[in-house]
Amino acid sequence: MTRSRYKIFETEYPYFLTHTIVGWLPIFTRKEAVEIVFEAWR
């Protein structure tokens, strides 16, 4: 399910992305989790 309101159409400007992790769980300690996040950003 995609949402067009979250797509970036102006690629010449920098964008910043922030996240809040529930319970401060260390999600970036596993390579598989990092790859999932990076693939979603791409």
Protein backbone atom coordinates (compact mmCIF):
# COMPACT_ATOMS: atom_id res chain seq x y z
CA MET A 1 0.00 0.00 0.00
CA THR A 2 1.59 3.24 -1.09
CA ARG A 3 0.64 6.74 -0.09
CA SER A 4 1.47 9.53 -2.51
CA ARG A 5 1.51 12.13 0.24
CA TYR A 6 4.73 10.57 1.57
CA LYS A 7 6.59 10.57 -1.73
CA ILE A 8 9.32 13.10 -2.41
CA PHE A 9 8.98 14.69 -5.82
CA GLU A 10 11.48 17.55 -5.51
CA THR A 11 14.81 15.74 -5.55
CA GLU A 12 17.06 18.84 -5.64
CA TYR A 13 16.40 19.68 -1.97
CA PRO A 14 17.65 17.77 1.09
CA TYR A 15 15.09 16.05 3.29
CA PHE A 16 15.38 14.96 6.90
CA LEU A 17 13.69 11.92 8.36
CA THR A 18 13.16 11.22 12.05
CA HIS A 19 11.74 8.20 13.82
CA THR A 20 10.59 7.32 17.29
CA ILE A 21 11.30 3.80 18.50
CA VAL A 22 8.71 2.34 20.88
CA GLY A 23 10.35 1.29 24.13
CA TRP A 24 13.78 2.35 22.82
CA LEU A 25 14.33 -1.09 21.29
CA PRO A 26 17.71 -1.42 19.53
CA ILE A 27 16.45 -2.17 16.00
CA PHE A 28 19.73 -1.38 14.22
CA THR A 29 21.76 -4.12 15.88
CA ARG A 30 20.76 -6.69 13.24
CA LYS A 31 21.83 -6.34 9.62
CA GLU A 32 18.48 -7.69 8.41
CA ALA A 33 16.58 -4.90 10.16
CA VAL A 34 18.90 -2.26 8.74
CA GLU A 35 18.43 -3.61 5.21
CA ILE A 36 14.63 -3.50 5.58
CA VAL A 37 14.73 0.15 6.64
CA PHE A 38 17.19 1.15 3.91
CA GLU A 39 15.14 -0.61 1.25
CA ALA A 40 12.01 1.22 2.40
CA TRP A 41 13.85 4.55 2.16
CA ARG A 42 14.99 3.80 -1.38
